Amino acid sequence: MDKYLKAIKQNICAICVDSNEKGRCTLNDKEACAVELFLPQIVEVIHKNENEELTQIYKNMKQTVCHECLAQDPDGYCYLREDANCSLDRYFYLIVETIQKIDAGLLT
């Protein structure tokens, strides 16, 4: 997981709206980054669906990862996703691309 986390921090955290000008996370102790919190599950979903289209990976991600998140209610409504405040949802395509590049050896 370390190589994935390192690549995520370099490629996503650096541009995240929740980071400062140096790319450091500005979330407080009461907030959590869904990407960092659920990284093992995210990687697993991407690996299990590597031959699927991005729309299917996204659907599977919501069923797997979002299902575990406390921000989503039992009916599937997520106040973070609804307000574009979910880092996983906001950077989904970049996250998939970053993990695939790590797996292909294009990033270290």
PDB file of N, CA and C in Angstrom:
ATOM      1  N   MET A   1       0.822  -1.209   0.000  1.00  0.00           N
ATOM      2  CA  MET A   1       0.000   0.000   0.000  1.00  0.00           C
ATOM      3  C   MET A   1       0.859   1.262   0.000  1.00  0.00           C
ATOM      4  N   ASP A   2       2.082   1.155   0.502  1.00  0.00           N
ATOM      5  CA  ASP A   2       2.928   2.345   0.595  1.00  0.00           C
ATOM      6  C   ASP A   2       3.171   3.001  -0.759  1.00  0.00           C
ATOM      7  N   LYS A   3       3.418   2.182  -1.789  1.00  0.00           N
ATOM      8  CA  LYS A   3       3.683   2.765  -3.111  1.00  0.00           C
ATOM      9  C   LYS A   3       2.440   3.470  -3.661  1.00  0.00           C
ATOM     10  N   TYR A   4       1.278   2.924  -3.379  1.00  0.00           N
ATOM     11  CA  TYR A   4       0.038   3.567  -3.833  1.00  0.00           C
ATOM     12  C   TYR A   4      -0.201   4.870  -3.072  1.00  0.00           C
ATOM     13  N   LEU A   5      -0.008   4.836  -1.767  1.00  0.00           N
ATOM     14  CA  LEU A   5      -0.207   6.043  -0.960  1.00  0.00           C
ATOM     15  C   LEU A   5       0.762   7.145  -1.372  1.00  0.00           C
ATOM     16  N   LYS A   6       2.003   6.777  -1.616  1.00  0.00           N
ATOM     17  CA  LYS A   6       3.004   7.764  -2.052  1.00  0.00           C
ATOM     18  C   LYS A   6       2.579   8.409  -3.374  1.00  0.00           C
ATOM     19  N   ALA A   7       2.142   7.590  -4.322  1.00  0.00           N
ATOM     20  CA  ALA A   7       1.718   8.115  -5.626  1.00  0.00           C
ATOM     21  C   ALA A   7       0.460   8.965  -5.499  1.00  0.00           C
ATOM     22  N   ILE A   8      -0.463   8.549  -4.642  1.00  0.00           N
ATOM     23  CA  ILE A   8      -1.684   9.330  -4.413  1.00  0.00           C
ATOM     24  C   ILE A   8      -1.320  10.699  -3.849  1.00  0.00           C
ATOM     25  N   LYS A   9      -0.422  10.714  -2.869  1.00  0.00           N
ATOM     26  CA  LYS A   9      -0.017  11.991  -2.256  1.00  0.00           C
ATOM     27  C   LYS A   9       0.647  12.908  -3.285  1.00  0.00           C
ATOM     28  N   GLN A  10       1.458  12.340  -4.174  1.00  0.00           N
ATOM     29  CA  GLN A  10       2.152  13.147  -5.177  1.00  0.00           C
ATOM     30  C   GLN A  10       1.226  13.636  -6.282  1.00  0.00           C
ATOM     31  N   ASN A  11       0.284  12.805  -6.688  1.00  0.00           N
ATOM     32  CA  ASN A  11      -0.520  13.119  -7.865  1.00  0.00           C
ATOM     33  C   ASN A  11      -1.909  13.664  -7.562  1.00  0.00           C
ATOM     34  N   ILE A  12      -2.434  13.357  -6.401  1.00  0.00           N
ATOM     35  CA  ILE A  12      -3.791  13.797  -6.092  1.00  0.00           C
ATOM     36  C   ILE A  12      -3.800  14.789  -4.938  1.00  0.00           C
ATOM     37  N   CYS A  13      -3.159  14.459  -3.857  1.00  0.00           N
ATOM     38  CA  CYS A  13      -3.132  15.374  -2.711  1.00  0.00           C
ATOM     39  C   CYS A  13      -2.529  16.725  -3.093  1.00  0.00           C
ATOM     40  N   ALA A  14      -1.576  16.690  -3.992  1.00  0.00           N
ATOM     41  CA  ALA A  14      -0.905  17.923  -4.401  1.00  0.00           C
ATOM     42  C   ALA A  14      -1.860  18.908  -5.077  1.00  0.00           C
ATOM     43  N   ILE A  15      -2.934  18.398  -5.689  1.00  0.00           N
ATOM     44  CA  ILE A  15      -3.886  19.275  -6.373  1.00  0.00           C
ATOM     45  C   ILE A  15      -5.247  19.343  -5.679  1.00  0.00           C
ATOM     46  N   CYS A  16      -5.393  18.601  -4.604  1.00  0.00           N
ATOM     47  CA  CYS A  16      -6.671  18.516  -3.896  1.00  0.00           C
ATOM     48  C   CYS A  16      -7.083  19.885  -3.339  1.00  0.00           C
ATOM     49  N   VAL A  17      -8.375  20.133  -3.388  1.00  0.00           N
ATOM     50  CA  VAL A  17      -8.882  21.400  -2.840  1.00  0.00           C
ATOM     51  C   VAL A  17      -8.734  21.453  -1.322  1.00  0.00           C
ATOM     52  N   ASP A  18      -8.498  20.320  -0.703  1.00  0.00           N
ATOM     53  CA  ASP A  18      -8.311  20.266   0.748  1.00  0.00           C
ATOM     54  C   ASP A  18      -6.834  20.299   1.141  1.00  0.00           C
ATOM     55  N   SER A  19      -5.978  20.761   0.229  1.00  0.00           N
ATOM     56  CA  SER A  19      -4.555  20.865   0.551  1.00  0.00           C
ATOM     57  C   SER A  19      -4.123  22.328   0.485  1.00  0.00           C
ATOM     58  N   ASN A  20      -2.998  22.594   1.135  1.00  0.00           N
ATOM     59  CA  ASN A  20      -2.472  23.952   1.106  1.00  0.00           C
ATOM     60  C   ASN A  20      -1.555  24.130  -0.108  1.00  0.00           C
ATOM     61  N   GLU A  21      -0.911  25.263  -0.202  1.00  0.00           N
ATOM     62  CA  GLU A  21      -0.063  25.558  -1.357  1.00  0.00           C
ATOM     63  C   GLU A  21       1.138  24.616  -1.485  1.00  0.00           C
ATOM     64  N   LYS A  22       1.480  23.905  -0.423  1.00  0.00           N
ATOM     65  CA  LYS A  22       2.577  22.935  -0.466  1.00  0.00           C
ATOM     66  C   LYS A  22       2.071  21.507  -0.678  1.00  0.00           C
ATOM     67  N   GLY A  23       0.771  21.346  -0.896  1.00  0.00           N
ATOM     68  CA  GLY A  23       0.199  20.035  -1.140  1.00  0.00           C
ATOM     69  C   GLY A  23      -0.083  19.223   0.107  1.00  0.00           C
ATOM     70  N   ARG A  24      -0.040  19.862   1.257  1.00  0.00           N
ATOM     71  CA  ARG A  24      -0.312  19.167   2.524  1.00  0.00           C
ATOM     72  C   ARG A  24      -1.792  19.275   2.866  1.00  0.00           C
ATOM     73  N   CYS A  25      -2.325  18.207   3.389  1.00  0.00           N
ATOM     74  CA  CYS A  25      -3.747  18.135   3.711  1.00  0.00           C
ATOM     75  C   CYS A  25      -4.106  19.136   4.804  1.00  0.00           C
ATOM     76  N   THR A  26      -5.241  19.791   4.622  1.00  0.00           N
ATOM     77  CA  THR A  26      -5.706  20.764   5.604  1.00  0.00           C
ATOM     78  C   THR A  26      -6.933  20.270   6.375  1.00  0.00           C
ATOM     79  N   LEU A  27      -7.309  19.000   6.180  1.00  0.00           N
ATOM     80  CA  LEU A  27      -8.448  18.463   6.930  1.00  0.00           C
ATOM     81  C   LEU A  27      -8.105  18.431   8.415  1.00  0.00           C
ATOM     82  N   ASN A  28      -9.103  18.698   9.260  1.00  0.00           N
ATOM     83  CA  ASN A  28      -8.846  18.710  10.699  1.00  0.00           C
ATOM     84  C   ASN A  28      -9.075  17.317  11.304  1.00  0.00           C
ATOM     85  N   ASP A  29      -8.951  17.211  12.604  1.00  0.00           N
ATOM     86  CA  ASP A  29      -9.077  15.926  13.301  1.00  0.00           C
ATOM     87  C   ASP A  29     -10.471  15.314  13.194  1.00  0.00           C
ATOM     88  N   LYS A  30     -11.459  16.126  12.921  1.00  0.00           N
ATOM     89  CA  LYS A  30     -12.832  15.630  12.824  1.00  0.00           C
ATOM     90  C   LYS A  30     -13.206  15.223  11.400  1.00  0.00           C
ATOM     91  N   GLU A  31     -12.302  15.458  10.453  1.00  0.00           N
ATOM     92  CA  GLU A  31     -12.545  15.132   9.051  1.00  0.00           C
ATOM     93  C   GLU A  31     -11.591  14.027   8.621  1.00  0.00           C
ATOM     94  N   ALA A  32     -11.989  13.296   7.611  1.00  0.00           N
ATOM     95  CA  ALA A  32     -11.140  12.226   7.096  1.00  0.00           C
ATOM     96  C   ALA A  32     -11.169  12.232   5.577  1.00  0.00           C
ATOM     97  N   CYS A  33     -10.057  11.923   4.986  1.00  0.00           N
ATOM     98  CA  CYS A  33      -9.969  11.805   3.538  1.00  0.00           C
ATOM     99  C   CYS A  33     -10.396  10.392   3.159  1.00  0.00           C
ATOM    100  N   ALA A  34     -11.438  10.291   2.355  1.00  0.00           N
ATOM    101  CA  ALA A  34     -11.945   8.974   1.944  1.00  0.00           C
ATOM    102  C   ALA A  34     -10.896   8.186   1.180  1.00  0.00           C
ATOM    103  N   VAL A  35     -10.075   8.857   0.418  1.00  0.00           N
ATOM    104  CA  VAL A  35      -9.054   8.158  -0.364  1.00  0.00           C
ATOM    105  C   VAL A  35      -8.047   7.487   0.555  1.00  0.00           C
ATOM    106  N   GLU A  36      -7.559   8.208   1.517  1.00  0.00           N
ATOM    107  CA  GLU A  36      -6.585   7.631   2.439  1.00  0.00           C
ATOM    108  C   GLU A  36      -7.229   6.599   3.360  1.00  0.00           C
ATOM    109  N   LEU A  37      -8.410   6.889   3.835  1.00  0.00           N
ATOM    110  CA  LEU A  37      -9.112   5.997   4.749  1.00  0.00           C
ATOM    111  C   LEU A  37      -9.439   4.653   4.105  1.00  0.00           C
ATOM    112  N   PHE A  38      -9.846   4.679   2.850  1.00  0.00           N
ATOM    113  CA  PHE A  38     -10.291   3.464   2.170  1.00  0.00           C
ATOM    114  C   PHE A  38      -9.324   2.989   1.082  1.00  0.00           C
ATOM    115  N   LEU A  39      -8.080   3.416   1.121  1.00  0.00           N
ATOM    116  CA  LEU A  39      -7.140   3.077   0.055  1.00  0.00           C
ATOM    117  C   LEU A  39      -7.039   1.575  -0.216  1.00  0.00           C
ATOM    118  N   PRO A  40      -6.931   0.708   0.782  1.00  0.00           N
ATOM    119  CA  PRO A  40      -6.857  -0.731   0.468  1.00  0.00           C
ATOM    120  C   PRO A  40      -8.088  -1.241  -0.302  1.00  0.00           C
ATOM    121  N   GLN A  41      -9.260  -0.779   0.077  1.00  0.00           N
ATOM    122  CA  GLN A  41     -10.475  -1.190  -0.620  1.00  0.00           C
ATOM    123  C   GLN A  41     -10.525  -0.609  -2.035  1.00  0.00           C
ATOM    124  N   ILE A  42     -10.071   0.612  -2.190  1.00  0.00           N
ATOM    125  CA  ILE A  42     -10.042   1.257  -3.500  1.00  0.00           C
ATOM    126  C   ILE A  42      -9.140   0.483  -4.446  1.00  0.00           C
ATOM    127  N   VAL A  43      -7.936   0.158  -3.979  1.00  0.00           N
ATOM    128  CA  VAL A  43      -6.986  -0.598  -4.795  1.00  0.00           C
ATOM    129  C   VAL A  43      -7.572  -1.958  -5.152  1.00  0.00           C
ATOM    130  N   GLU A  44      -8.192  -2.604  -4.193  1.00  0.00           N
ATOM    131  CA  GLU A  44      -8.789  -3.919  -4.442  1.00  0.00           C
ATOM    132  C   GLU A  44      -9.881  -3.846  -5.515  1.00  0.00           C
ATOM    133  N   VAL A  45     -10.756  -2.860  -5.438  1.00  0.00           N
ATOM    134  CA  VAL A  45     -11.816  -2.708  -6.437  1.00  0.00           C
ATOM    135  C   VAL A  45     -11.210  -2.477  -7.822  1.00  0.00           C
ATOM    136  N   ILE A  46     -10.210  -1.632  -7.894  1.00  0.00           N
ATOM    137  CA  ILE A  46      -9.571  -1.344  -9.188  1.00  0.00           C
ATOM    138  C   ILE A  46      -8.912  -2.600  -9.736  1.00  0.00           C
ATOM    139  N   HIS A  47      -8.224  -3.346  -8.894  1.00  0.00           N
ATOM    140  CA  HIS A  47      -7.575  -4.577  -9.349  1.00  0.00           C
ATOM    141  C   HIS A  47      -8.593  -5.627  -9.787  1.00  0.00           C
ATOM    142  N   LYS A  48      -9.673  -5.769  -9.064  1.00  0.00           N
ATOM    143  CA  LYS A  48     -10.700  -6.759  -9.415  1.00  0.00           C
ATOM    144  C   LYS A  48     -11.441  -6.395 -10.699  1.00  0.00           C
ATOM    145  N   ASN A  49     -11.405  -5.135 -11.066  1.00  0.00           N
ATOM    146  CA  ASN A  49     -12.160  -4.654 -12.227  1.00  0.00           C
ATOM    147  C   ASN A  49     -11.253  -4.052 -13.293  1.00  0.00           C
ATOM    148  N   GLU A  50     -10.026  -4.539 -13.378  1.00  0.00           N
ATOM    149  CA  GLU A  50      -9.050  -3.901 -14.263  1.00  0.00           C
ATOM    150  C   GLU A  50      -9.437  -3.920 -15.739  1.00  0.00           C
ATOM    151  N   ASN A  51     -10.276  -4.847 -16.156  1.00  0.00           N
ATOM    152  CA  ASN A  51     -10.699  -4.911 -17.557  1.00  0.00           C
ATOM    153  C   ASN A  51     -12.055  -4.261 -17.806  1.00  0.00           C
ATOM    154  N   GLU A  52     -12.602  -3.648 -16.788  1.00  0.00           N
ATOM    155  CA  GLU A  52     -13.910  -2.995 -16.899  1.00  0.00           C
ATOM    156  C   GLU A  52     -13.750  -1.541 -17.350  1.00  0.00           C
ATOM    157  N   GLU A  53     -14.830  -0.993 -17.875  1.00  0.00           N
ATOM    158  CA  GLU A  53     -14.850   0.424 -18.216  1.00  0.00           C
ATOM    159  C   GLU A  53     -14.892   1.239 -16.928  1.00  0.00           C
ATOM    160  N   LEU A  54     -14.465   2.471 -17.002  1.00  0.00           N
ATOM    161  CA  LEU A  54     -14.423   3.337 -15.818  1.00  0.00           C
ATOM    162  C   LEU A  54     -15.794   3.501 -15.177  1.00  0.00           C
ATOM    163  N   THR A  55     -16.835   3.545 -15.972  1.00  0.00           N
ATOM    164  CA  THR A  55     -18.170   3.694 -15.395  1.00  0.00           C
ATOM    165  C   THR A  55     -18.540   2.491 -14.532  1.00  0.00           C
ATOM    166  N   GLN A  56     -18.108   1.307 -14.936  1.00  0.00           N
ATOM    167  CA  GLN A  56     -18.380   0.111 -14.147  1.00  0.00           C
ATOM    168  C   GLN A  56     -17.508   0.083 -12.891  1.00  0.00           C
ATOM    169  N   ILE A  57     -16.263   0.497 -13.008  1.00  0.00           N
ATOM    170  CA  ILE A  57     -15.391   0.572 -11.835  1.00  0.00           C
ATOM    171  C   ILE A  57     -15.982   1.557 -10.829  1.00  0.00           C
ATOM    172  N   TYR A  58     -16.467   2.685 -11.317  1.00  0.00           N
ATOM    173  CA  TYR A  58     -17.086   3.687 -10.443  1.00  0.00           C
ATOM    174  C   TYR A  58     -18.299   3.102  -9.725  1.00  0.00           C
ATOM    175  N   LYS A  59     -19.122   2.395 -10.459  1.00  0.00           N
ATOM    176  CA  LYS A  59     -20.305   1.763  -9.865  1.00  0.00           C
ATOM    177  C   LYS A  59     -19.891   0.750  -8.795  1.00  0.00           C
ATOM    178  N   ASN A  60     -18.897  -0.064  -9.088  1.00  0.00           N
ATOM    179  CA  ASN A  60     -18.417  -1.056  -8.123  1.00  0.00           C
ATOM    180  C   ASN A  60     -17.772  -0.392  -6.913  1.00  0.00           C
ATOM    181  N   MET A  61     -17.104   0.730  -7.139  1.00  0.00           N
ATOM    182  CA  MET A  61     -16.488   1.476  -6.047  1.00  0.00           C
ATOM    183  C   MET A  61     -17.577   1.985  -5.096  1.00  0.00           C
ATOM    184  N   LYS A  62     -18.633   2.531  -5.644  1.00  0.00           N
ATOM    185  CA  LYS A  62     -19.728   3.034  -4.816  1.00  0.00           C
ATOM    186  C   LYS A  62     -20.372   1.904  -4.016  1.00  0.00           C
ATOM    187  N   GLN A  63     -20.505   0.743  -4.640  1.00  0.00           N
ATOM    188  CA  GLN A  63     -21.126  -0.393  -3.958  1.00  0.00           C
ATOM    189  C   GLN A  63     -20.226  -0.960  -2.856  1.00  0.00           C
ATOM    190  N   THR A  64     -18.935  -0.866  -3.055  1.00  0.00           N
ATOM    191  CA  THR A  64     -17.993  -1.452  -2.099  1.00  0.00           C
ATOM    192  C   THR A  64     -17.520  -0.442  -1.064  1.00  0.00           C
ATOM    193  N   VAL A  65     -16.883   0.610  -1.519  1.00  0.00           N
ATOM    194  CA  VAL A  65     -16.252   1.579  -0.628  1.00  0.00           C
ATOM    195  C   VAL A  65     -17.287   2.513  -0.002  1.00  0.00           C
ATOM    196  N   CYS A  66     -18.129   3.091  -0.811  1.00  0.00           N
ATOM    197  CA  CYS A  66     -19.116   4.047  -0.300  1.00  0.00           C
ATOM    198  C   CYS A  66     -20.080   3.368   0.672  1.00  0.00           C
ATOM    199  N   HIS A  67     -20.317   2.108   0.457  1.00  0.00           N
ATOM    200  CA  HIS A  67     -21.199   1.341   1.349  1.00  0.00           C
ATOM    201  C   HIS A  67     -20.660   1.317   2.778  1.00  0.00           C
ATOM    202  N   GLU A  68     -19.330   1.369   2.921  1.00  0.00           N
ATOM    203  CA  GLU A  68     -18.690   1.343   4.241  1.00  0.00           C
ATOM    204  C   GLU A  68     -18.559   2.724   4.883  1.00  0.00           C
ATOM    205  N   CYS A  69     -18.711   3.757   4.086  1.00  0.00           N
ATOM    206  CA  CYS A  69     -18.485   5.119   4.563  1.00  0.00           C
ATOM    207  C   CYS A  69     -19.660   5.610   5.406  1.00  0.00           C
ATOM    208  N   LEU A  70     -19.348   6.265   6.503  1.00  0.00           N
ATOM    209  CA  LEU A  70     -20.379   6.781   7.401  1.00  0.00           C
ATOM    210  C   LEU A  70     -21.147   7.970   6.829  1.00  0.00           C
ATOM    211  N   ALA A  71     -20.603   8.586   5.781  1.00  0.00           N
ATOM    212  CA  ALA A  71     -21.275   9.740   5.179  1.00  0.00           C
ATOM    213  C   ALA A  71     -22.451   9.322   4.293  1.00  0.00           C
ATOM    214  N   GLN A  72     -22.507   8.046   3.951  1.00  0.00           N
ATOM    215  CA  GLN A  72     -23.603   7.551   3.107  1.00  0.00           C
ATOM    216  C   GLN A  72     -24.664   6.901   3.976  1.00  0.00           C
ATOM    217  N   ASP A  73     -25.909   7.240   3.707  1.00  0.00           N
ATOM    218  CA  ASP A  73     -26.999   6.644   4.486  1.00  0.00           C
ATOM    219  C   ASP A  73     -27.406   5.290   3.873  1.00  0.00           C
ATOM    220  N   PRO A  74     -28.263   4.538   4.547  1.00  0.00           N
ATOM    221  CA  PRO A  74     -28.664   3.213   4.052  1.00  0.00           C
ATOM    222  C   PRO A  74     -29.330   3.234   2.667  1.00  0.00           C
ATOM    223  N   ASP A  75     -29.871   4.374   2.274  1.00  0.00           N
ATOM    224  CA  ASP A  75     -30.510   4.478   0.957  1.00  0.00           C
ATOM    225  C   ASP A  75     -29.536   4.858  -0.149  1.00  0.00           C
ATOM    226  N   GLY A  76     -28.254   5.055   0.200  1.00  0.00           N
ATOM    227  CA  GLY A  76     -27.239   5.388  -0.790  1.00  0.00           C
ATOM    228  C   GLY A  76     -26.979   6.868  -0.957  1.00  0.00           C
ATOM    229  N   TYR A  77     -27.678   7.704  -0.197  1.00  0.00           N
ATOM    230  CA  TYR A  77     -27.458   9.145  -0.280  1.00  0.00           C
ATOM    231  C   TYR A  77     -26.214   9.518   0.524  1.00  0.00           C
ATOM    232  N   CYS A  78     -25.344  10.297  -0.083  1.00  0.00           N
ATOM    233  CA  CYS A  78     -24.116  10.745   0.587  1.00  0.00           C
ATOM    234  C   CYS A  78     -24.061  12.266   0.532  1.00  0.00           C
ATOM    235  N   TYR A  79     -24.082  12.886   1.700  1.00  0.00           N
ATOM    236  CA  TYR A  79     -24.041  14.352   1.743  1.00  0.00           C
ATOM    237  C   TYR A  79     -22.711  14.896   1.237  1.00  0.00           C
ATOM    238  N   LEU A  80     -21.631  14.151   1.413  1.00  0.00           N
ATOM    239  CA  LEU A  80     -20.334  14.608   0.916  1.00  0.00           C
ATOM    240  C   LEU A  80     -20.283  14.563  -0.615  1.00  0.00           C
ATOM    241  N   ARG A  81     -20.732  13.462  -1.163  1.00  0.00           N
ATOM    242  CA  ARG A  81     -20.748  13.315  -2.616  1.00  0.00           C
ATOM    243  C   ARG A  81     -21.701  14.345  -3.230  1.00  0.00           C
ATOM    244  N   GLU A  82     -22.838  14.557  -2.600  1.00  0.00           N
ATOM    245  CA  GLU A  82     -23.836  15.504  -3.091  1.00  0.00           C
ATOM    246  C   GLU A  82     -23.282  16.926  -3.149  1.00  0.00           C
ATOM    247  N   ASP A  83     -22.438  17.286  -2.191  1.00  0.00           N
ATOM    248  CA  ASP A  83     -21.843  18.626  -2.128  1.00  0.00           C
ATOM    249  C   ASP A  83     -20.476  18.711  -2.816  1.00  0.00           C
ATOM    250  N   ALA A  84     -20.086  17.644  -3.542  1.00  0.00           N
ATOM    251  CA  ALA A  84     -18.773  17.555  -4.208  1.00  0.00           C
ATOM    252  C   ALA A  84     -17.635  17.676  -3.199  1.00  0.00           C
ATOM    253  N   ASN A  85     -17.849  17.137  -1.994  1.00  0.00           N
ATOM    254  CA  ASN A  85     -16.823  17.182  -0.957  1.00  0.00           C
ATOM    255  C   ASN A  85     -16.186  15.831  -0.669  1.00  0.00           C
ATOM    256  N   CYS A  86     -16.508  14.823  -1.453  1.00  0.00           N
ATOM    257  CA  CYS A  86     -15.900  13.505  -1.277  1.00  0.00           C
ATOM    258  C   CYS A  86     -14.673  13.419  -2.175  1.00  0.00           C
ATOM    259  N   SER A  87     -13.517  13.249  -1.575  1.00  0.00           N
ATOM    260  CA  SER A  87     -12.275  13.198  -2.356  1.00  0.00           C
ATOM    261  C   SER A  87     -12.250  11.996  -3.288  1.00  0.00           C
ATOM    262  N   LEU A  88     -12.821  10.892  -2.874  1.00  0.00           N
ATOM    263  CA  LEU A  88     -12.864   9.714  -3.737  1.00  0.00           C
ATOM    264  C   LEU A  88     -13.713   9.993  -4.974  1.00  0.00           C
ATOM    265  N   ASP A  89     -14.838  10.591  -4.784  1.00  0.00           N
ATOM    266  CA  ASP A  89     -15.720  10.910  -5.901  1.00  0.00           C
ATOM    267  C   ASP A  89     -15.113  12.003  -6.782  1.00  0.00           C
ATOM    268  N   ARG A  90     -14.584  13.022  -6.174  1.00  0.00           N
ATOM    269  CA  ARG A  90     -14.041  14.173  -6.896  1.00  0.00           C
ATOM    270  C   ARG A  90     -12.847  13.796  -7.771  1.00  0.00           C
ATOM    271  N   TYR A  91     -11.979  12.917  -7.275  1.00  0.00           N
ATOM    272  CA  TYR A  91     -10.741  12.570  -7.982  1.00  0.00           C
ATOM    273  C   TYR A  91     -10.733  11.130  -8.487  1.00  0.00           C
ATOM    274  N   PHE A  92     -11.904  10.538  -8.638  1.00  0.00           N
ATOM    275  CA  PHE A  92     -12.011   9.127  -8.992  1.00  0.00           C
ATOM    276  C   PHE A  92     -11.156   8.740 -10.203  1.00  0.00           C
ATOM    277  N   TYR A  93     -11.331   9.446 -11.307  1.00  0.00           N
ATOM    278  CA  TYR A  93     -10.614   9.078 -12.531  1.00  0.00           C
ATOM    279  C   TYR A  93      -9.107   9.215 -12.361  1.00  0.00           C
ATOM    280  N   LEU A  94      -8.667  10.231 -11.674  1.00  0.00           N
ATOM    281  CA  LEU A  94      -7.241  10.420 -11.429  1.00  0.00           C
ATOM    282  C   LEU A  94      -6.703   9.337 -10.488  1.00  0.00           C
ATOM    283  N   ILE A  95      -7.501   8.916  -9.535  1.00  0.00           N
ATOM    284  CA  ILE A  95      -7.107   7.840  -8.618  1.00  0.00           C
ATOM    285  C   ILE A  95      -6.923   6.540  -9.388  1.00  0.00           C
ATOM    286  N   VAL A  96      -7.874   6.202 -10.225  1.00  0.00           N
ATOM    287  CA  VAL A  96      -7.782   4.981 -11.036  1.00  0.00           C
ATOM    288  C   VAL A  96      -6.540   5.045 -11.917  1.00  0.00           C
ATOM    289  N   GLU A  97      -6.348   6.157 -12.588  1.00  0.00           N
ATOM    290  CA  GLU A  97      -5.200   6.326 -13.469  1.00  0.00           C
ATOM    291  C   GLU A  97      -3.880   6.184 -12.705  1.00  0.00           C
ATOM    292  N   THR A  98      -3.801   6.771 -11.527  1.00  0.00           N
ATOM    293  CA  THR A  98      -2.585   6.709 -10.719  1.00  0.00           C
ATOM    294  C   THR A  98      -2.287   5.271 -10.298  1.00  0.00           C
ATOM    295  N   ILE A  99      -3.288   4.561  -9.836  1.00  0.00           N
ATOM    296  CA  ILE A  99      -3.086   3.167  -9.408  1.00  0.00           C
ATOM    297  C   ILE A  99      -2.699   2.302 -10.602  1.00  0.00           C
ATOM    298  N   GLN A 100      -3.328   2.502 -11.747  1.00  0.00           N
ATOM    299  CA  GLN A 100      -2.982   1.734 -12.936  1.00  0.00           C
ATOM    300  C   GLN A 100      -1.563   2.032 -13.390  1.00  0.00           C
ATOM    301  N   LYS A 101      -1.123   3.277 -13.265  1.00  0.00           N
ATOM    302  CA  LYS A 101       0.249   3.620 -13.635  1.00  0.00           C
ATOM    303  C   LYS A 101       1.253   2.979 -12.686  1.00  0.00           C
ATOM    304  N   ILE A 102       0.939   2.920 -11.411  1.00  0.00           N
ATOM    305  CA  ILE A 102       1.809   2.233 -10.449  1.00  0.00           C
ATOM    306  C   ILE A 102       1.926   0.767 -10.845  1.00  0.00           C
ATOM    307  N   ASP A 103       0.793   0.136 -11.122  1.00  0.00           N
ATOM    308  CA  ASP A 103       0.791  -1.284 -11.491  1.00  0.00           C
ATOM    309  C   ASP A 103       1.563  -1.558 -12.776  1.00  0.00           C
ATOM    310  N   ALA A 104       1.536  -0.605 -13.703  1.00  0.00           N
ATOM    311  CA  ALA A 104       2.247  -0.754 -14.983  1.00  0.00           C
ATOM    312  C   ALA A 104       3.721  -0.373 -14.872  1.00  0.00           C
ATOM    313  N   GLY A 105       4.128   0.103 -13.704  1.00  0.00           N
ATOM    314  CA  GLY A 105       5.513   0.509 -13.507  1.00  0.00           C
ATOM    315  C   GLY A 105       5.855   1.865 -14.085  1.00  0.00           C
ATOM    316  N   LEU A 106       4.837   2.655 -14.380  1.00  0.00           N
ATOM    317  CA  LEU A 106       5.056   3.978 -14.962  1.00  0.00           C
ATOM    318  C   LEU A 106       5.277   5.049 -13.896  1.00  0.00           C
ATOM    319  N   LEU A 107       4.933   4.737 -12.658  1.00  0.00           N
ATOM    320  CA  LEU A 107       5.166   5.626 -11.510  1.00  0.00           C
ATOM    321  C   LEU A 107       5.859   4.824 -10.429  1.00  0.00           C
ATOM    322  N   THR A 108       6.617   5.498  -9.634  1.00  0.00           N
ATOM    323  CA  THR A 108       7.274   4.816  -8.503  1.00  0.00           C
ATOM    324  C   THR A 108       6.857   5.444  -7.205  1.00  0.00           C
TER     325      THR A 108
END
